[in-house]
Amino acid sequence: MTKTIHSPGQKALIEALTNARKEAGLSQMALAERLHCHQSMIARIESGERRIDVVELVVLARAIGVDPSGILQSVAAKVDARQGL
């Protein structure tokens, strides 16, 4: 079970976060400002170049203005445990 930034679960997480950001009407720059980071950090996350951990997920979701559990539910609906990490 190899961890990869290209796994189906990771792709589902990126999709859920990116969709949530867009639905909230936030640009990558606006989200970066809320997080006190560079826009390039958001771009790396959304392009799949950078994995995020569960704490970062909570911080990102709250900065977007959504419940982190909603993001997790979206990911869980698209991930099969047999796919691995």
PDB file of N, CA and C in Angstrom:
ATOM      1  N   MET A   1       0.848  -1.166   0.000  1.00  0.00           N
ATOM      2  CA  MET A   1       0.000   0.000   0.000  1.00  0.00           C
ATOM      3  C   MET A   1       0.902   1.241   0.000  1.00  0.00           C
ATOM      4  N   THR A   2       1.151   1.777  -1.158  1.00  0.00           N
ATOM      5  CA  THR A   2       2.025   2.919  -1.303  1.00  0.00           C
ATOM      6  C   THR A   2       1.218   4.207  -1.285  1.00  0.00           C
ATOM      7  N   LYS A   3       1.645   5.155  -0.458  1.00  0.00           N
ATOM      8  CA  LYS A   3       0.995   6.461  -0.446  1.00  0.00           C
ATOM      9  C   LYS A   3       1.438   7.233  -1.682  1.00  0.00           C
ATOM     10  N   THR A   4       0.489   7.878  -2.314  1.00  0.00           N
ATOM     11  CA  THR A   4       0.810   8.651  -3.502  1.00  0.00           C
ATOM     12  C   THR A   4      -0.102   9.852  -3.606  1.00  0.00           C
ATOM     13  N   ILE A   5       0.395  10.884  -4.228  1.00  0.00           N
ATOM     14  CA  ILE A   5      -0.444  12.064  -4.442  1.00  0.00           C
ATOM     15  C   ILE A   5      -1.387  11.837  -5.613  1.00  0.00           C
ATOM     16  N   HIS A   6      -1.255  10.688  -6.271  1.00  0.00           N
ATOM     17  CA  HIS A   6      -2.075  10.405  -7.440  1.00  0.00           C
ATOM     18  C   HIS A   6      -3.131   9.327  -7.179  1.00  0.00           C
ATOM     19  N   SER A   7      -3.384   9.006  -5.918  1.00  0.00           N
ATOM     20  CA  SER A   7      -4.370   7.976  -5.599  1.00  0.00           C
ATOM     21  C   SER A   7      -5.782   8.506  -5.862  1.00  0.00           C
ATOM     22  N   PRO A   8      -6.734   7.606  -6.074  1.00  0.00           N
ATOM     23  CA  PRO A   8      -8.126   8.037  -6.262  1.00  0.00           C
ATOM     24  C   PRO A   8      -8.655   8.844  -5.068  1.00  0.00           C
ATOM     25  N   GLY A   9      -8.258   8.437  -3.865  1.00  0.00           N
ATOM     26  CA  GLY A   9      -8.713   9.166  -2.679  1.00  0.00           C
ATOM     27  C   GLY A   9      -8.164  10.573  -2.627  1.00  0.00           C
ATOM     28  N   GLN A  10      -6.893  10.714  -2.964  1.00  0.00           N
ATOM     29  CA  GLN A  10      -6.279  12.039  -2.962  1.00  0.00           C
ATOM     30  C   GLN A  10      -6.924  12.924  -4.027  1.00  0.00           C
ATOM     31  N   LYS A  11      -7.201  12.342  -5.185  1.00  0.00           N
ATOM     32  CA  LYS A  11      -7.865  13.099  -6.253  1.00  0.00           C
ATOM     33  C   LYS A  11      -9.264  13.532  -5.825  1.00  0.00           C
ATOM     34  N   ALA A  12      -9.978  12.653  -5.116  1.00  0.00           N
ATOM     35  CA  ALA A  12     -11.318  12.994  -4.632  1.00  0.00           C
ATOM     36  C   ALA A  12     -11.256  14.118  -3.607  1.00  0.00           C
ATOM     37  N   LEU A  13     -10.238  14.101  -2.750  1.00  0.00           N
ATOM     38  CA  LEU A  13     -10.066  15.152  -1.750  1.00  0.00           C
ATOM     39  C   LEU A  13      -9.789  16.496  -2.415  1.00  0.00           C
ATOM     40  N   ILE A  14      -8.905  16.502  -3.385  1.00  0.00           N
ATOM     41  CA  ILE A  14      -8.579  17.736  -4.098  1.00  0.00           C
ATOM     42  C   ILE A  14      -9.812  18.283  -4.796  1.00  0.00           C
ATOM     43  N   GLU A  15     -10.558  17.402  -5.440  1.00  0.00           N
ATOM     44  CA  GLU A  15     -11.768  17.816  -6.139  1.00  0.00           C
ATOM     45  C   GLU A  15     -12.776  18.425  -5.167  1.00  0.00           C
ATOM     46  N   ALA A  16     -12.963  17.786  -4.024  1.00  0.00           N
ATOM     47  CA  ALA A  16     -13.924  18.284  -3.039  1.00  0.00           C
ATOM     48  C   ALA A  16     -13.507  19.656  -2.495  1.00  0.00           C
ATOM     49  N   LEU A  17     -12.230  19.816  -2.200  1.00  0.00           N
ATOM     50  CA  LEU A  17     -11.751  21.106  -1.686  1.00  0.00           C
ATOM     51  C   LEU A  17     -11.837  22.199  -2.748  1.00  0.00           C
ATOM     52  N   THR A  18     -11.435  21.871  -3.957  1.00  0.00           N
ATOM     53  CA  THR A  18     -11.482  22.866  -5.031  1.00  0.00           C
ATOM     54  C   THR A  18     -12.921  23.278  -5.325  1.00  0.00           C
ATOM     55  N   ASN A  19     -13.819  22.300  -5.386  1.00  0.00           N
ATOM     56  CA  ASN A  19     -15.234  22.622  -5.620  1.00  0.00           C
ATOM     57  C   ASN A  19     -15.797  23.483  -4.497  1.00  0.00           C
ATOM     58  N   ALA A  20     -15.453  23.158  -3.257  1.00  0.00           N
ATOM     59  CA  ALA A  20     -15.941  23.941  -2.120  1.00  0.00           C
ATOM     60  C   ALA A  20     -15.435  25.384  -2.200  1.00  0.00           C
ATOM     61  N   ARG A  21     -14.165  25.549  -2.559  1.00  0.00           N
ATOM     62  CA  ARG A  21     -13.600  26.896  -2.680  1.00  0.00           C
ATOM     63  C   ARG A  21     -14.327  27.694  -3.751  1.00  0.00           C
ATOM     64  N   LYS A  22     -14.530  27.062  -4.899  1.00  0.00           N
ATOM     65  CA  LYS A  22     -15.206  27.750  -6.002  1.00  0.00           C
ATOM     66  C   LYS A  22     -16.658  28.066  -5.658  1.00  0.00           C
ATOM     67  N   GLU A  23     -17.350  27.125  -5.019  1.00  0.00           N
ATOM     68  CA  GLU A  23     -18.742  27.349  -4.625  1.00  0.00           C
ATOM     69  C   GLU A  23     -18.855  28.477  -3.604  1.00  0.00           C
ATOM     70  N   ALA A  24     -17.813  28.657  -2.808  1.00  0.00           N
ATOM     71  CA  ALA A  24     -17.793  29.752  -1.829  1.00  0.00           C
ATOM     72  C   ALA A  24     -17.445  31.086  -2.489  1.00  0.00           C
ATOM     73  N   GLY A  25     -17.116  31.045  -3.776  1.00  0.00           N
ATOM     74  CA  GLY A  25     -16.785  32.269  -4.492  1.00  0.00           C
ATOM     75  C   GLY A  25     -15.404  32.810  -4.168  1.00  0.00           C
ATOM     76  N   LEU A  26     -14.516  31.915  -3.749  1.00  0.00           N
ATOM     77  CA  LEU A  26     -13.161  32.336  -3.376  1.00  0.00           C
ATOM     78  C   LEU A  26     -12.166  32.003  -4.476  1.00  0.00           C
ATOM     79  N   SER A  27     -11.287  32.915  -4.764  1.00  0.00           N
ATOM     80  CA  SER A  27     -10.163  32.625  -5.643  1.00  0.00           C
ATOM     81  C   SER A  27      -9.080  31.949  -4.808  1.00  0.00           C
ATOM     82  N   GLN A  28      -8.102  31.391  -5.483  1.00  0.00           N
ATOM     83  CA  GLN A  28      -6.968  30.833  -4.746  1.00  0.00           C
ATOM     84  C   GLN A  28      -6.288  31.922  -3.927  1.00  0.00           C
ATOM     85  N   MET A  29      -6.193  33.120  -4.484  1.00  0.00           N
ATOM     86  CA  MET A  29      -5.541  34.229  -3.784  1.00  0.00           C
ATOM     87  C   MET A  29      -6.321  34.612  -2.526  1.00  0.00           C
ATOM     88  N   ALA A  30      -7.637  34.665  -2.629  1.00  0.00           N
ATOM     89  CA  ALA A  30      -8.450  35.021  -1.465  1.00  0.00           C
ATOM     90  C   ALA A  30      -8.317  33.977  -0.358  1.00  0.00           C
ATOM     91  N   LEU A  31      -8.298  32.709  -0.742  1.00  0.00           N
ATOM     92  CA  LEU A  31      -8.126  31.649   0.252  1.00  0.00           C
ATOM     93  C   LEU A  31      -6.743  31.745   0.887  1.00  0.00           C
ATOM     94  N   ALA A  32      -5.743  31.988   0.074  1.00  0.00           N
ATOM     95  CA  ALA A  32      -4.376  32.127   0.589  1.00  0.00           C
ATOM     96  C   ALA A  32      -4.293  33.280   1.591  1.00  0.00           C
ATOM     97  N   GLU A  33      -4.963  34.368   1.297  1.00  0.00           N
ATOM     98  CA  GLU A  33      -4.958  35.501   2.230  1.00  0.00           C
ATOM     99  C   GLU A  33      -5.578  35.108   3.564  1.00  0.00           C
ATOM    100  N   ARG A  34      -6.671  34.352   3.513  1.00  0.00           N
ATOM    101  CA  ARG A  34      -7.307  33.897   4.754  1.00  0.00           C
ATOM    102  C   ARG A  34      -6.379  32.990   5.567  1.00  0.00           C
ATOM    103  N   LEU A  35      -5.543  32.252   4.865  1.00  0.00           N
ATOM    104  CA  LEU A  35      -4.645  31.297   5.519  1.00  0.00           C
ATOM    105  C   LEU A  35      -3.262  31.876   5.802  1.00  0.00           C
ATOM    106  N   HIS A  36      -3.046  33.118   5.393  1.00  0.00           N
ATOM    107  CA  HIS A  36      -1.747  33.773   5.573  1.00  0.00           C
ATOM    108  C   HIS A  36      -0.626  32.960   4.932  1.00  0.00           C
ATOM    109  N   CYS A  37      -0.880  32.534   3.689  1.00  0.00           N
ATOM    110  CA  CYS A  37       0.134  31.794   2.937  1.00  0.00           C
ATOM    111  C   CYS A  37       0.153  32.339   1.512  1.00  0.00           C
ATOM    112  N   HIS A  38       1.022  31.790   0.705  1.00  0.00           N
ATOM    113  CA  HIS A  38       1.118  32.207  -0.693  1.00  0.00           C
ATOM    114  C   HIS A  38       0.080  31.476  -1.539  1.00  0.00           C
ATOM    115  N   GLN A  39      -0.374  32.125  -2.582  1.00  0.00           N
ATOM    116  CA  GLN A  39      -1.319  31.520  -3.512  1.00  0.00           C
ATOM    117  C   GLN A  39      -0.733  30.250  -4.106  1.00  0.00           C
ATOM    118  N   SER A  40       0.574  30.213  -4.277  1.00  0.00           N
ATOM    119  CA  SER A  40       1.210  29.033  -4.868  1.00  0.00           C
ATOM    120  C   SER A  40       1.019  27.786  -4.001  1.00  0.00           C
ATOM    121  N   MET A  41       0.869  27.970  -2.699  1.00  0.00           N
ATOM    122  CA  MET A  41       0.597  26.830  -1.811  1.00  0.00           C
ATOM    123  C   MET A  41      -0.773  26.231  -2.136  1.00  0.00           C
ATOM    124  N   ILE A  42      -1.764  27.083  -2.329  1.00  0.00           N
ATOM    125  CA  ILE A  42      -3.103  26.606  -2.684  1.00  0.00           C
ATOM    126  C   ILE A  42      -3.056  25.928  -4.050  1.00  0.00           C
ATOM    127  N   ALA A  43      -2.329  26.512  -4.975  1.00  0.00           N
ATOM    128  CA  ALA A  43      -2.203  25.932  -6.312  1.00  0.00           C
ATOM    129  C   ALA A  43      -1.546  24.556  -6.256  1.00  0.00           C
ATOM    130  N   ARG A  44      -0.523  24.391  -5.425  1.00  0.00           N
ATOM    131  CA  ARG A  44       0.146  23.092  -5.307  1.00  0.00           C
ATOM    132  C   ARG A  44      -0.796  22.042  -4.721  1.00  0.00           C
ATOM    133  N   ILE A  45      -1.605  22.449  -3.756  1.00  0.00           N
ATOM    134  CA  ILE A  45      -2.582  21.517  -3.173  1.00  0.00           C
ATOM    135  C   ILE A  45      -3.602  21.121  -4.236  1.00  0.00           C
ATOM    136  N   GLU A  46      -4.172  22.118  -4.912  1.00  0.00           N
ATOM    137  CA  GLU A  46      -5.239  21.852  -5.873  1.00  0.00           C
ATOM    138  C   GLU A  46      -4.751  21.135  -7.136  1.00  0.00           C
ATOM    139  N   SER A  47      -3.492  21.259  -7.456  1.00  0.00           N
ATOM    140  CA  SER A  47      -2.964  20.560  -8.632  1.00  0.00           C
ATOM    141  C   SER A  47      -2.528  19.142  -8.288  1.00  0.00           C
ATOM    142  N   GLY A  48      -2.534  18.818  -7.008  1.00  0.00           N
ATOM    143  CA  GLY A  48      -2.139  17.484  -6.580  1.00  0.00           C
ATOM    144  C   GLY A  48      -0.657  17.328  -6.336  1.00  0.00           C
ATOM    145  N   GLU A  49       0.076  18.419  -6.358  1.00  0.00           N
ATOM    146  CA  GLU A  49       1.519  18.348  -6.122  1.00  0.00           C
ATOM    147  C   GLU A  49       1.850  18.166  -4.644  1.00  0.00           C
ATOM    148  N   ARG A  50       0.900  18.493  -3.783  1.00  0.00           N
ATOM    149  CA  ARG A  50       1.158  18.449  -2.337  1.00  0.00           C
ATOM    150  C   ARG A  50       0.006  17.759  -1.631  1.00  0.00           C
ATOM    151  N   ARG A  51       0.314  16.724  -0.861  1.00  0.00           N
ATOM    152  CA  ARG A  51      -0.680  16.060  -0.012  1.00  0.00           C
ATOM    153  C   ARG A  51      -0.948  16.927   1.201  1.00  0.00           C
ATOM    154  N   ILE A  52      -2.135  16.794   1.747  1.00  0.00           N
ATOM    155  CA  ILE A  52      -2.435  17.490   2.988  1.00  0.00           C
ATOM    156  C   ILE A  52      -2.813  16.470   4.049  1.00  0.00           C
ATOM    157  N   ASP A  53      -2.553  16.815   5.304  1.00  0.00           N
ATOM    158  CA  ASP A  53      -2.939  15.911   6.386  1.00  0.00           C
ATOM    159  C   ASP A  53      -4.295  16.339   6.932  1.00  0.00           C
ATOM    160  N   VAL A  54      -4.783  15.603   7.885  1.00  0.00           N
ATOM    161  CA  VAL A  54      -6.142  15.847   8.395  1.00  0.00           C
ATOM    162  C   VAL A  54      -6.256  17.207   9.087  1.00  0.00           C
ATOM    163  N   VAL A  55      -5.210  17.651   9.757  1.00  0.00           N
ATOM    164  CA  VAL A  55      -5.252  18.955  10.417  1.00  0.00           C
ATOM    165  C   VAL A  55      -5.334  20.061   9.365  1.00  0.00           C
ATOM    166  N   GLU A  56      -4.547  19.916   8.302  1.00  0.00           N
ATOM    167  CA  GLU A  56      -4.607  20.904   7.219  1.00  0.00           C
ATOM    168  C   GLU A  56      -5.978  20.897   6.553  1.00  0.00           C
ATOM    169  N   LEU A  57      -6.590  19.725   6.431  1.00  0.00           N
ATOM    170  CA  LEU A  57      -7.935  19.639   5.869  1.00  0.00           C
ATOM    171  C   LEU A  57      -8.911  20.471   6.693  1.00  0.00           C
ATOM    172  N   VAL A  58      -8.837  20.326   8.008  1.00  0.00           N
ATOM    173  CA  VAL A  58      -9.728  21.086   8.889  1.00  0.00           C
ATOM    174  C   VAL A  58      -9.506  22.579   8.707  1.00  0.00           C
ATOM    175  N   VAL A  59      -8.259  23.005   8.685  1.00  0.00           N
ATOM    176  CA  VAL A  59      -7.930  24.429   8.530  1.00  0.00           C
ATOM    177  C   VAL A  59      -8.417  24.945   7.178  1.00  0.00           C
ATOM    178  N   LEU A  60      -8.155  24.198   6.117  1.00  0.00           N
ATOM    179  CA  LEU A  60      -8.595  24.613   4.781  1.00  0.00           C
ATOM    180  C   LEU A  60     -10.114  24.717   4.704  1.00  0.00           C
ATOM    181  N   ALA A  61     -10.804  23.691   5.174  1.00  0.00           N
ATOM    182  CA  ALA A  61     -12.264  23.699   5.113  1.00  0.00           C
ATOM    183  C   ALA A  61     -12.844  24.877   5.884  1.00  0.00           C
ATOM    184  N   ARG A  62     -12.339  25.127   7.062  1.00  0.00           N
ATOM    185  CA  ARG A  62     -12.847  26.250   7.855  1.00  0.00           C
ATOM    186  C   ARG A  62     -12.552  27.586   7.182  1.00  0.00           C
ATOM    187  N   ALA A  63     -11.383  27.714   6.553  1.00  0.00           N
ATOM    188  CA  ALA A  63     -11.051  28.952   5.844  1.00  0.00           C
ATOM    189  C   ALA A  63     -11.979  29.155   4.646  1.00  0.00           C
ATOM    190  N   ILE A  64     -12.389  28.059   4.027  1.00  0.00           N
ATOM    191  CA  ILE A  64     -13.330  28.143   2.906  1.00  0.00           C
ATOM    192  C   ILE A  64     -14.728  28.464   3.418  1.00  0.00           C
ATOM    193  N   GLY A  65     -15.017  28.036   4.641  1.00  0.00           N
ATOM    194  CA  GLY A  65     -16.334  28.286   5.233  1.00  0.00           C
ATOM    195  C   GLY A  65     -17.252  27.081   5.163  1.00  0.00           C
ATOM    196  N   VAL A  66     -16.653  25.897   5.073  1.00  0.00           N
ATOM    197  CA  VAL A  66     -17.455  24.674   5.040  1.00  0.00           C
ATOM    198  C   VAL A  66     -17.072  23.778   6.205  1.00  0.00           C
ATOM    199  N   ASP A  67     -17.955  22.844   6.506  1.00  0.00           N
ATOM    200  CA  ASP A  67     -17.712  21.874   7.567  1.00  0.00           C
ATOM    201  C   ASP A  67     -16.744  20.804   7.044  1.00  0.00           C
ATOM    202  N   PRO A  68     -15.632  20.584   7.730  1.00  0.00           N
ATOM    203  CA  PRO A  68     -14.681  19.562   7.273  1.00  0.00           C
ATOM    204  C   PRO A  68     -15.318  18.183   7.102  1.00  0.00           C
ATOM    205  N   SER A  69     -16.317  17.865   7.915  1.00  0.00           N
ATOM    206  CA  SER A  69     -16.949  16.546   7.787  1.00  0.00           C
ATOM    207  C   SER A  69     -17.688  16.411   6.460  1.00  0.00           C
ATOM    208  N   GLY A  70     -18.169  17.510   5.917  1.00  0.00           N
ATOM    209  CA  GLY A  70     -18.809  17.470   4.599  1.00  0.00           C
ATOM    210  C   GLY A  70     -17.818  17.122   3.512  1.00  0.00           C
ATOM    211  N   ILE A  71     -16.614  17.651   3.620  1.00  0.00           N
ATOM    212  CA  ILE A  71     -15.545  17.319   2.671  1.00  0.00           C
ATOM    213  C   ILE A  71     -15.223  15.831   2.786  1.00  0.00           C
ATOM    214  N   LEU A  72     -15.094  15.344   4.021  1.00  0.00           N
ATOM    215  CA  LEU A  72     -14.779  13.930   4.231  1.00  0.00           C
ATOM    216  C   LEU A  72     -15.877  13.018   3.700  1.00  0.00           C
ATOM    217  N   GLN A  73     -17.122  13.411   3.881  1.00  0.00           N
ATOM    218  CA  GLN A  73     -18.232  12.601   3.364  1.00  0.00           C
ATOM    219  C   GLN A  73     -18.178  12.522   1.846  1.00  0.00           C
ATOM    220  N   SER A  74     -17.849  13.628   1.211  1.00  0.00           N
ATOM    221  CA  SER A  74     -17.734  13.649  -0.241  1.00  0.00           C
ATOM    222  C   SER A  74     -16.626  12.706  -0.713  1.00  0.00           C
ATOM    223  N   VAL A  75     -15.505  12.740  -0.014  1.00  0.00           N
ATOM    224  CA  VAL A  75     -14.386  11.866  -0.361  1.00  0.00           C
ATOM    225  C   VAL A  75     -14.747  10.404  -0.097  1.00  0.00           C
ATOM    226  N   ALA A  76     -15.344  10.142   1.055  1.00  0.00           N
ATOM    227  CA  ALA A  76     -15.702   8.772   1.426  1.00  0.00           C
ATOM    228  C   ALA A  76     -16.652   8.139   0.415  1.00  0.00           C
ATOM    229  N   ALA A  77     -17.528   8.948  -0.162  1.00  0.00           N
ATOM    230  CA  ALA A  77     -18.471   8.423  -1.142  1.00  0.00           C
ATOM    231  C   ALA A  77     -17.779   7.988  -2.435  1.00  0.00           C
ATOM    232  N   LYS A  78     -16.574   8.486  -2.672  1.00  0.00           N
ATOM    233  CA  LYS A  78     -15.868   8.196  -3.922  1.00  0.00           C
ATOM    234  C   LYS A  78     -14.708   7.226  -3.759  1.00  0.00           C
ATOM    235  N   VAL A  79     -14.424   6.816  -2.528  1.00  0.00           N
ATOM    236  CA  VAL A  79     -13.238   5.992  -2.277  1.00  0.00           C
ATOM    237  C   VAL A  79     -13.659   4.609  -1.816  1.00  0.00           C
ATOM    238  N   ASP A  80     -13.027   3.621  -2.397  1.00  0.00           N
ATOM    239  CA  ASP A  80     -13.240   2.239  -2.026  1.00  0.00           C
ATOM    240  C   ASP A  80     -12.013   1.791  -1.226  1.00  0.00           C
ATOM    241  N   ALA A  81     -12.212   1.182  -0.076  1.00  0.00           N
ATOM    242  CA  ALA A  81     -11.098   0.767   0.784  1.00  0.00           C
ATOM    243  C   ALA A  81     -10.138  -0.167   0.061  1.00  0.00           C
ATOM    244  N   ARG A  82     -10.600  -0.869  -0.928  1.00  0.00           N
ATOM    245  CA  ARG A  82      -9.736  -1.783  -1.668  1.00  0.00           C
ATOM    246  C   ARG A  82      -8.755  -1.050  -2.566  1.00  0.00           C
ATOM    247  N   GLN A  83      -8.978   0.250  -2.768  1.00  0.00           N
ATOM    248  CA  GLN A  83      -8.073   1.016  -3.612  1.00  0.00           C
ATOM    249  C   GLN A  83      -6.748   1.321  -2.912  1.00  0.00           C
ATOM    250  N   GLY A  84      -6.750   1.250  -1.605  1.00  0.00           N
ATOM    251  CA  GLY A  84      -5.540   1.540  -0.850  1.00  0.00           C
ATOM    252  C   GLY A  84      -5.306   3.034  -0.722  1.00  0.00           C
ATOM    253  N   LEU A  85      -4.123   3.371  -0.252  1.00  0.00           N
ATOM    254  CA  LEU A  85      -3.759   4.766  -0.041  1.00  0.00           C
ATOM    255  C   LEU A  85      -3.030   5.264  -1.255  1.00  0.00           C
TER     256      LEU A  85
END
